[in-house]
Amino acid sequence: MIAFAILNIETGTFYSESLILKKEAEATGQHWGFFCVIPLFARRYARHIDALRRSQKLSNKSGCVCAVVALP
C-alpha cells in the first residue's frame, strides 16, 4: 500500500510528528520544527488529498514550499 508524506522542497526534510524526535531535540536544547531528514519518521497519510491539504496549510503557515511525495 502506498503512503504519502510531505517534503519541504527547500530543505529536503519531511514533515514529522514524531515524539521521539521532539524529545531528542528538547534534550539537546535544539528547536524542533516538526521536520526530519529520514523518511522513516515522516508523518504518513493514507490518502493523497489529506497530505495535500496539510501540505498547503504548512506552506501557508511557514512560507516554505512543501510537496506531497509517495512512500513505499
N, C-alpha and C. Protein backbone atom coordinates (compact mmCIF):
# COMPACT_ATOMS: atom_id res chain seq x y z
N MET A 1 0.84 -1.18 0.00
CA MET A 1 0.00 0.00 0.00
C MET A 1 0.89 1.25 0.00
N ILE A 2 0.55 2.18 -0.82
CA ILE A 2 1.32 3.42 -0.93
C ILE A 2 0.85 4.40 0.15
N ALA A 3 1.81 5.02 0.78
CA ALA A 3 1.52 6.08 1.75
C ALA A 3 2.11 7.37 1.20
N PHE A 4 1.61 8.48 1.69
CA PHE A 4 2.07 9.77 1.22
C PHE A 4 2.69 10.55 2.38
N ALA A 5 3.68 11.37 2.06
CA ALA A 5 4.35 12.20 3.05
C ALA A 5 4.55 13.59 2.46
N ILE A 6 4.88 14.52 3.34
CA ILE A 6 5.09 15.91 2.93
C ILE A 6 6.58 16.21 2.98
N LEU A 7 7.10 16.71 1.88
CA LEU A 7 8.51 17.03 1.75
C LEU A 7 8.68 18.53 1.59
N ASN A 8 9.55 19.10 2.42
CA ASN A 8 9.91 20.51 2.29
C ASN A 8 10.95 20.59 1.18
N ILE A 9 10.58 21.16 0.05
CA ILE A 9 11.44 21.21 -1.12
C ILE A 9 12.70 22.03 -0.86
N GLU A 10 12.57 23.09 -0.08
CA GLU A 10 13.70 23.99 0.16
C GLU A 10 14.81 23.35 1.02
N THR A 11 14.41 22.55 2.00
CA THR A 11 15.40 21.97 2.92
C THR A 11 15.63 20.48 2.70
N GLY A 12 14.74 19.83 1.97
CA GLY A 12 14.88 18.39 1.74
C GLY A 12 14.48 17.56 2.94
N THR A 13 13.65 18.12 3.82
CA THR A 13 13.23 17.40 5.02
C THR A 13 11.75 17.04 4.93
N PHE A 14 11.38 16.01 5.68
CA PHE A 14 10.00 15.53 5.69
C PHE A 14 9.27 16.06 6.92
N TYR A 15 7.96 16.29 6.77
CA TYR A 15 7.13 16.70 7.89
C TYR A 15 6.95 15.51 8.82
N SER A 16 7.15 15.73 10.10
CA SER A 16 7.07 14.65 11.07
C SER A 16 6.37 15.12 12.33
N GLU A 17 5.68 14.22 12.97
CA GLU A 17 5.07 14.50 14.28
C GLU A 17 5.62 13.52 15.30
N SER A 18 6.84 13.06 15.10
CA SER A 18 7.44 12.05 15.96
C SER A 18 7.77 12.60 17.34
N LEU A 19 7.22 11.96 18.38
CA LEU A 19 7.53 12.36 19.75
C LEU A 19 8.97 12.00 20.12
N ILE A 20 9.49 10.96 19.49
CA ILE A 20 10.89 10.57 19.73
C ILE A 20 11.82 11.70 19.31
N LEU A 21 11.60 12.25 18.12
CA LEU A 21 12.43 13.34 17.63
C LEU A 21 12.25 14.60 18.48
N LYS A 22 11.03 14.84 18.92
CA LYS A 22 10.77 16.01 19.75
C LYS A 22 11.52 15.92 21.08
N LYS A 23 11.46 14.76 21.71
CA LYS A 23 12.16 14.57 22.99
C LYS A 23 13.67 14.67 22.82
N GLU A 24 14.17 14.11 21.72
CA GLU A 24 15.60 14.18 21.44
C GLU A 24 16.06 15.62 21.24
N ALA A 25 15.27 16.39 20.51
CA ALA A 25 15.62 17.79 20.27
C ALA A 25 15.59 18.59 21.56
N GLU A 26 14.58 18.35 22.40
CA GLU A 26 14.49 19.05 23.68
C GLU A 26 15.67 18.71 24.59
N ALA A 27 16.08 17.45 24.56
CA ALA A 27 17.19 17.01 25.39
C ALA A 27 18.51 17.65 24.98
N THR A 28 18.65 17.94 23.70
CA THR A 28 19.89 18.56 23.21
C THR A 28 19.78 20.08 23.13
N GLY A 29 18.60 20.62 23.49
CA GLY A 29 18.42 22.06 23.51
C GLY A 29 18.19 22.68 22.14
N GLN A 30 17.80 21.86 21.16
CA GLN A 30 17.56 22.37 19.81
C GLN A 30 16.07 22.64 19.60
N HIS A 31 15.79 23.56 18.69
CA HIS A 31 14.40 23.84 18.32
C HIS A 31 13.91 22.73 17.41
N TRP A 32 12.76 22.19 17.72
CA TRP A 32 12.18 21.12 16.92
C TRP A 32 11.09 21.70 16.04
N GLY A 33 11.28 21.67 14.73
CA GLY A 33 10.34 22.29 13.81
C GLY A 33 9.45 21.32 13.08
N PHE A 34 9.20 20.16 13.64
CA PHE A 34 8.33 19.15 13.02
C PHE A 34 8.87 18.60 11.71
N PHE A 35 10.18 18.68 11.50
CA PHE A 35 10.74 18.14 10.28
C PHE A 35 11.88 17.18 10.58
N CYS A 36 12.08 16.21 9.71
CA CYS A 36 13.14 15.22 9.88
C CYS A 36 13.76 14.91 8.52
N VAL A 37 14.95 14.40 8.54
CA VAL A 37 15.66 14.07 7.31
C VAL A 37 15.31 12.65 6.85
N ILE A 38 15.07 11.77 7.77
CA ILE A 38 14.85 10.35 7.47
C ILE A 38 13.37 10.10 7.16
N PRO A 39 13.07 9.52 5.99
CA PRO A 39 11.67 9.26 5.62
C PRO A 39 10.94 8.32 6.59
N LEU A 40 11.69 7.50 7.31
CA LEU A 40 11.09 6.57 8.26
C LEU A 40 10.25 7.31 9.32
N PHE A 41 10.68 8.50 9.71
CA PHE A 41 9.97 9.26 10.74
C PHE A 41 8.94 10.23 10.16
N ALA A 42 8.78 10.22 8.86
CA ALA A 42 7.82 11.14 8.23
C ALA A 42 6.40 10.76 8.61
N ARG A 43 5.56 11.76 8.80
CA ARG A 43 4.14 11.52 9.06
C ARG A 43 3.54 10.97 7.79
N ARG A 44 2.91 9.80 7.87
CA ARG A 44 2.35 9.15 6.69
C ARG A 44 0.84 9.39 6.61
N TYR A 45 0.40 9.62 5.41
CA TYR A 45 -1.02 9.82 5.13
C TYR A 45 -1.48 8.72 4.18
N ALA A 46 -2.63 8.14 4.47
CA ALA A 46 -3.16 7.07 3.62
C ALA A 46 -3.74 7.62 2.32
N ARG A 47 -4.27 8.84 2.38
CA ARG A 47 -4.90 9.43 1.20
C ARG A 47 -4.11 10.65 0.72
N HIS A 48 -3.96 10.74 -0.59
CA HIS A 48 -3.23 11.85 -1.20
C HIS A 48 -3.86 13.19 -0.85
N ILE A 49 -5.18 13.26 -0.85
CA ILE A 49 -5.88 14.52 -0.60
C ILE A 49 -5.61 15.04 0.81
N ASP A 50 -5.51 14.14 1.80
CA ASP A 50 -5.20 14.55 3.17
C ASP A 50 -3.81 15.16 3.26
N ALA A 51 -2.86 14.51 2.61
CA ALA A 51 -1.49 15.02 2.60
C ALA A 51 -1.41 16.36 1.86
N LEU A 52 -2.15 16.48 0.79
CA LEU A 52 -2.16 17.72 0.02
C LEU A 52 -2.73 18.89 0.83
N ARG A 53 -3.81 18.63 1.54
CA ARG A 53 -4.40 19.69 2.39
C ARG A 53 -3.43 20.13 3.47
N ARG A 54 -2.78 19.17 4.13
CA ARG A 54 -1.82 19.50 5.18
C ARG A 54 -0.62 20.23 4.60
N SER A 55 -0.18 19.82 3.43
CA SER A 55 0.93 20.46 2.75
C SER A 55 0.62 21.93 2.46
N GLN A 56 -0.58 22.20 2.00
CA GLN A 56 -0.98 23.57 1.70
C GLN A 56 -1.01 24.42 2.97
N LYS A 57 -1.51 23.85 4.08
CA LYS A 57 -1.55 24.57 5.35
C LYS A 57 -0.14 24.88 5.84
N LEU A 58 0.77 23.89 5.72
CA LEU A 58 2.15 24.11 6.14
C LEU A 58 2.83 25.18 5.29
N SER A 59 2.58 25.14 4.00
CA SER A 59 3.17 26.13 3.09
C SER A 59 2.69 27.53 3.43
N ASN A 60 1.39 27.66 3.68
CA ASN A 60 0.83 28.97 4.02
C ASN A 60 1.34 29.47 5.36
N LYS A 61 1.46 28.57 6.32
CA LYS A 61 1.87 28.95 7.67
C LYS A 61 3.35 29.29 7.76
N SER A 62 4.19 28.50 7.11
CA SER A 62 5.64 28.65 7.25
C SER A 62 6.30 29.41 6.11
N GLY A 63 5.62 29.52 4.98
CA GLY A 63 6.21 30.20 3.83
C GLY A 63 7.16 29.32 3.04
N CYS A 64 7.29 28.06 3.43
CA CYS A 64 8.17 27.15 2.69
C CYS A 64 7.38 26.49 1.56
N VAL A 65 8.09 25.85 0.67
CA VAL A 65 7.46 25.13 -0.44
C VAL A 65 7.40 23.66 -0.05
N CYS A 66 6.19 23.16 0.18
CA CYS A 66 6.00 21.77 0.58
C CYS A 66 5.30 21.01 -0.54
N ALA A 67 5.72 19.79 -0.75
CA ALA A 67 5.15 18.94 -1.79
C ALA A 67 4.76 17.59 -1.21
N VAL A 68 3.86 16.92 -1.86
CA VAL A 68 3.44 15.59 -1.43
C VAL A 68 4.21 14.56 -2.26
N VAL A 69 4.80 13.59 -1.56
CA VAL A 69 5.54 12.53 -2.23
C VAL A 69 4.98 11.18 -1.80
N ALA A 70 5.12 10.18 -2.66
CA ALA A 70 4.67 8.83 -2.34
C ALA A 70 5.81 8.05 -1.68
N LEU A 71 5.47 7.32 -0.63
CA LEU A 71 6.44 6.46 0.05
C LEU A 71 6.00 5.01 -0.10
N PRO A 72 6.95 4.10 -0.23
CA PRO A 72 6.57 2.67 -0.36
C PRO A 72 6.07 2.12 0.96
